[in-house]
C-alpha atoms as a PDB file:
ATOM      1  CA  MET A   1      56.555 -19.074  32.881  1.00  0.00           C
ATOM      2  CA  PRO A   2      60.116 -18.326  31.684  1.00  0.00           C
ATOM      3  CA  ILE A   3      61.850 -15.207  32.922  1.00  0.00           C
ATOM      4  CA  SER A   4      63.728 -13.082  30.400  1.00  0.00           C
ATOM      5  CA  PRO A   5      67.403 -12.426  31.095  1.00  0.00           C
ATOM      6  CA  PRO A   6      68.461  -8.977  32.352  1.00  0.00           C
ATOM      7  CA  LYS A   7      69.322  -6.445  29.654  1.00  0.00           C
ATOM      8  CA  PRO A   8      71.437  -3.281  29.769  1.00  0.00           C
ATOM      9  CA  CYS A   9      69.709   0.046  30.338  1.00  0.00           C
ATOM     10  CA  THR A  10      68.862   1.697  26.993  1.00  0.00           C
ATOM     11  CA  HIS A  11      70.068   5.129  28.131  1.00  0.00           C
ATOM     12  CA  PRO A  12      73.222   6.019  26.137  1.00  0.00           C
ATOM     13  CA  GLY A  13      76.357   5.119  28.074  1.00  0.00           C
ATOM     14  CA  CYS A  14      74.563   3.286  30.893  1.00  0.00           C
ATOM     15  CA  GLY A  15      75.335  -0.406  31.299  1.00  0.00           C
ATOM     16  CA  VAL A  16      73.280  -1.187  34.407  1.00  0.00           C
ATOM     17  CA  LEU A  17      71.374  -4.446  33.974  1.00  0.00           C
ATOM     18  CA  VAL A  18      67.593  -4.087  34.088  1.00  0.00           C
ATOM     19  CA  ARG A  19      65.468  -7.014  35.210  1.00  0.00           C
ATOM     20  CA  ASP A  20      61.944  -5.525  35.173  1.00  0.00           C
ATOM     21  CA  GLY A  21      61.511  -5.417  31.380  1.00  0.00           C
ATOM     22  CA  SER A  22      61.164  -1.619  31.232  1.00  0.00           C
ATOM     23  CA  GLY A  23      64.462  -1.139  29.400  1.00  0.00           C
ATOM     24  CA  ARG A  24      65.619   1.598  31.802  1.00  0.00           C
ATOM     25  CA  CYS A  25      67.311   1.550  35.194  1.00  0.00           C
ATOM     26  CA  ALA A  26      66.026   3.546  38.176  1.00  0.00           C
ATOM     27  CA  LYS A  27      68.583   6.295  37.467  1.00  0.00           C
ATOM     28  CA  HIS A  28      67.334   6.828  33.859  1.00  0.00           C
ATOM     29  CA  PRO A  29      63.530   6.502  33.772  1.00  0.00           C
ATOM     30  CA  ARG A  30      61.687   7.237  30.541  1.00  0.00           C
ATOM     31  CA  VAL A  31      60.186  10.703  30.410  1.00  0.00           C
ATOM     32  CA  ALA A  32      56.463  10.591  29.721  1.00  0.00           C
ATOM     33  CA  TRP A  33      55.448  12.462  26.580  1.00  0.00           C
ATOM     34  CA  LEU A  34      53.102  15.285  27.448  1.00  0.00           C
ATOM     35  CA  LYS A  35      51.412  17.667  25.062  1.00  0.00           C
ATOM     36  CA  GLN A  36      52.441  21.231  25.751  1.00  0.00           C
ATOM     37  CA  PRO A  37      49.585  23.242  27.326  1.00  0.00           C
ATOM     38  CA  ASN A  38      50.093  26.007  24.761  1.00  0.00           C
ATOM     39  CA  ALA A  39      50.232  23.625  21.756  1.00  0.00           C
ATOM     40  CA  ALA A  40      48.311  24.792  18.699  1.00  0.00           C
ATOM     41  CA  LYS A  41      45.002  23.094  17.999  1.00  0.00           C
ATOM     42  CA  ARG A  42      45.257  21.079  14.790  1.00  0.00           C
ATOM     43  CA  VAL A  43      42.525  21.101  12.162  1.00  0.00           C
ATOM     44  CA  THR A  44      41.155  17.620  11.412  1.00  0.00           C
ATOM     45  CA  GLY A  45      38.320  15.860   9.619  1.00  0.00           C
ATOM     46  CA  ARG A  46      36.235  17.338   6.827  1.00  0.00           C
ATOM     47  CA  ARG A  47      37.499  20.835   7.482  1.00  0.00           C
ATOM     48  CA  LEU A  48      41.075  19.657   6.859  1.00  0.00           C
ATOM     49  CA  GLN A  49      39.989  17.779   3.707  1.00  0.00           C
ATOM     50  CA  THR A  50      38.349  20.944   2.388  1.00  0.00           C
ATOM     51  CA  MET A  51      41.458  23.009   3.152  1.00  0.00           C
ATOM     52  CA  ARG A  52      43.685  20.434   1.383  1.00  0.00           C
ATOM     53  CA  ASP A  53      41.415  20.332  -1.670  1.00  0.00           C
ATOM     54  CA  ARG A  54      41.418  24.127  -1.901  1.00  0.00           C
ATOM     55  CA  LEU A  55      45.218  24.326  -1.518  1.00  0.00           C
ATOM     56  CA  PHE A  56      45.938  21.698  -4.179  1.00  0.00           C
ATOM     57  CA  SER A  57      43.400  23.116  -6.644  1.00  0.00           C
ATOM     58  CA  ASP A  58      44.791  26.666  -6.227  1.00  0.00           C
ATOM     59  CA  HIS A  59      48.480  25.594  -6.190  1.00  0.00           C
ATOM     60  CA  PRO A  60      48.877  22.075  -7.651  1.00  0.00           C
ATOM     61  CA  LEU A  61      52.706  22.154  -7.861  1.00  0.00           C
ATOM     62  CA  CYS A  62      55.332  21.675  -5.154  1.00  0.00           C
ATOM     63  CA  VAL A  63      56.531  25.132  -4.091  1.00  0.00           C
ATOM     64  CA  GLU A  64      60.120  23.989  -3.436  1.00  0.00           C
ATOM     65  CA  CYS A  65      60.440  22.091  -6.737  1.00  0.00           C
ATOM     66  CA  GLU A  66      59.033  25.112  -8.581  1.00  0.00           C
ATOM     67  CA  ARG A  67      61.649  27.310  -6.915  1.00  0.00           C
ATOM     68  CA  LEU A  68      64.337  24.919  -8.213  1.00  0.00           C
ATOM     69  CA  GLY A  69      62.888  24.878 -11.741  1.00  0.00           C
ATOM     70  CA  ARG A  70      61.271  21.431 -11.501  1.00  0.00           C
ATOM     71  CA  VAL A  71      57.639  20.527 -12.124  1.00  0.00           C
ATOM     72  CA  THR A  72      56.265  18.156  -9.461  1.00  0.00           C
ATOM     73  CA  LEU A  73      52.728  17.736  -8.140  1.00  0.00           C
ATOM     74  CA  ALA A  74      52.201  18.747  -4.527  1.00  0.00           C
ATOM     75  CA  THR A  75      50.866  15.923  -2.369  1.00  0.00           C
ATOM     76  CA  GLN A  76      51.563  17.207   1.161  1.00  0.00           C
ATOM     77  CA  ARG A  77      50.000  20.172   2.984  1.00  0.00           C
ATOM     78  CA  ASP A  78      52.883  21.802   4.837  1.00  0.00           C
ATOM     79  CA  HIS A  79      52.967  24.544   7.459  1.00  0.00           C
ATOM     80  CA  ILE A  80      55.523  27.177   6.401  1.00  0.00           C
ATOM     81  CA  THR A  81      56.130  28.061  10.061  1.00  0.00           C
ATOM     82  CA  PRO A  82      55.546  24.822  12.018  1.00  0.00           C
ATOM     83  CA  LEU A  83      52.764  24.785  14.597  1.00  0.00           C
ATOM     84  CA  ALA A  84      55.367  23.748  17.190  1.00  0.00           C
ATOM     85  CA  GLU A  85      57.239  26.987  16.474  1.00  0.00           C
ATOM     86  CA  GLY A  86      54.189  29.234  16.770  1.00  0.00           C
ATOM     87  CA  GLY A  87      52.768  28.911  13.251  1.00  0.00           C
ATOM     88  CA  THR A  88      49.041  29.028  12.597  1.00  0.00           C
ATOM     89  CA  ASP A  89      46.794  26.571  10.800  1.00  0.00           C
ATOM     90  CA  ASP A  90      45.365  29.079   8.320  1.00  0.00           C
ATOM     91  CA  ASP A  91      45.798  29.517   4.553  1.00  0.00           C
ATOM     92  CA  SER A  92      48.549  32.142   4.891  1.00  0.00           C
ATOM     93  CA  ASN A  93      50.834  29.616   6.616  1.00  0.00           C
ATOM     94  CA  VAL A  94      50.452  26.580   4.341  1.00  0.00           C
ATOM     95  CA  GLN A  95      52.074  25.482   1.112  1.00  0.00           C
ATOM     96  CA  GLY A  96      51.940  22.437  -1.110  1.00  0.00           C
ATOM     97  CA  LEU A  97      55.026  20.221  -1.227  1.00  0.00           C
ATOM     98  CA  CYS A  98      55.858  16.876  -2.830  1.00  0.00           C
ATOM     99  CA  ARG A  99      56.711  14.015  -0.469  1.00  0.00           C
ATOM    100  CA  PRO A 100      60.554  14.226  -0.810  1.00  0.00           C
ATOM    101  CA  CYS A 101      60.589  18.007  -0.232  1.00  0.00           C
ATOM    102  CA  HIS A 102      58.201  17.663   2.725  1.00  0.00           C
ATOM    103  CA  GLU A 103      60.319  14.908   4.302  1.00  0.00           C
ATOM    104  CA  ALA A 104      63.499  16.989   3.905  1.00  0.00           C
ATOM    105  CA  LYS A 105      61.836  20.059   5.450  1.00  0.00           C
ATOM    106  CA  THR A 106      60.406  17.989   8.314  1.00  0.00           C
ATOM    107  CA  GLN A 107      63.839  16.509   8.996  1.00  0.00           C
ATOM    108  CA  ARG A 108      65.414  19.994   9.170  1.00  0.00           C
ATOM    109  CA  GLU A 109      62.652  21.185  11.529  1.00  0.00           C
ATOM    110  CA  SER A 110      63.061  18.108  13.716  1.00  0.00           C
ATOM    111  CA  ALA A 111      66.806  18.670  13.991  1.00  0.00           C
ATOM    112  CA  ARG A 112      66.141  22.296  14.917  1.00  0.00           C
ATOM    113  CA  GLY A 113      63.706  21.165  17.619  1.00  0.00           C
ATOM    114  CA  ARG A 114      66.176  18.650  19.065  1.00  0.00           C
ATOM    115  CA  HIS A 115      68.871  21.354  19.093  1.00  0.00           C
ATOM    116  CA  ARG A 116      66.548  23.702  21.045  1.00  0.00           C
ATOM    117  CA  VAL A 117      65.685  21.037  23.632  1.00  0.00           C
ATOM    118  CA  GLY A 118      69.212  19.590  24.015  1.00  0.00           C
END
């Protein structure tokens, strides 16, 4: 069986050659992703489908597009205050957004989260 050649550690700025196929040297092991013990419980299944149907029938347009004077159908159920930042999964904390607005908001929230951690 052929052996793959050593590759540099994938940690930024580290050039140590790794031979075990893990991609990281012993100095820069990958951190295992663990769910936070206080993470909010997400709604799933039929209950989520019912909540989505109710949201889109009550408010069919994207909230952000409406604010900007555009008319776009909402296709994404979005948490106004993200669950990761202490938001709840009830009707008072959700809004309908179109895909581009939802992706932009998610990107801003992700950057905020990376800034908090880093």
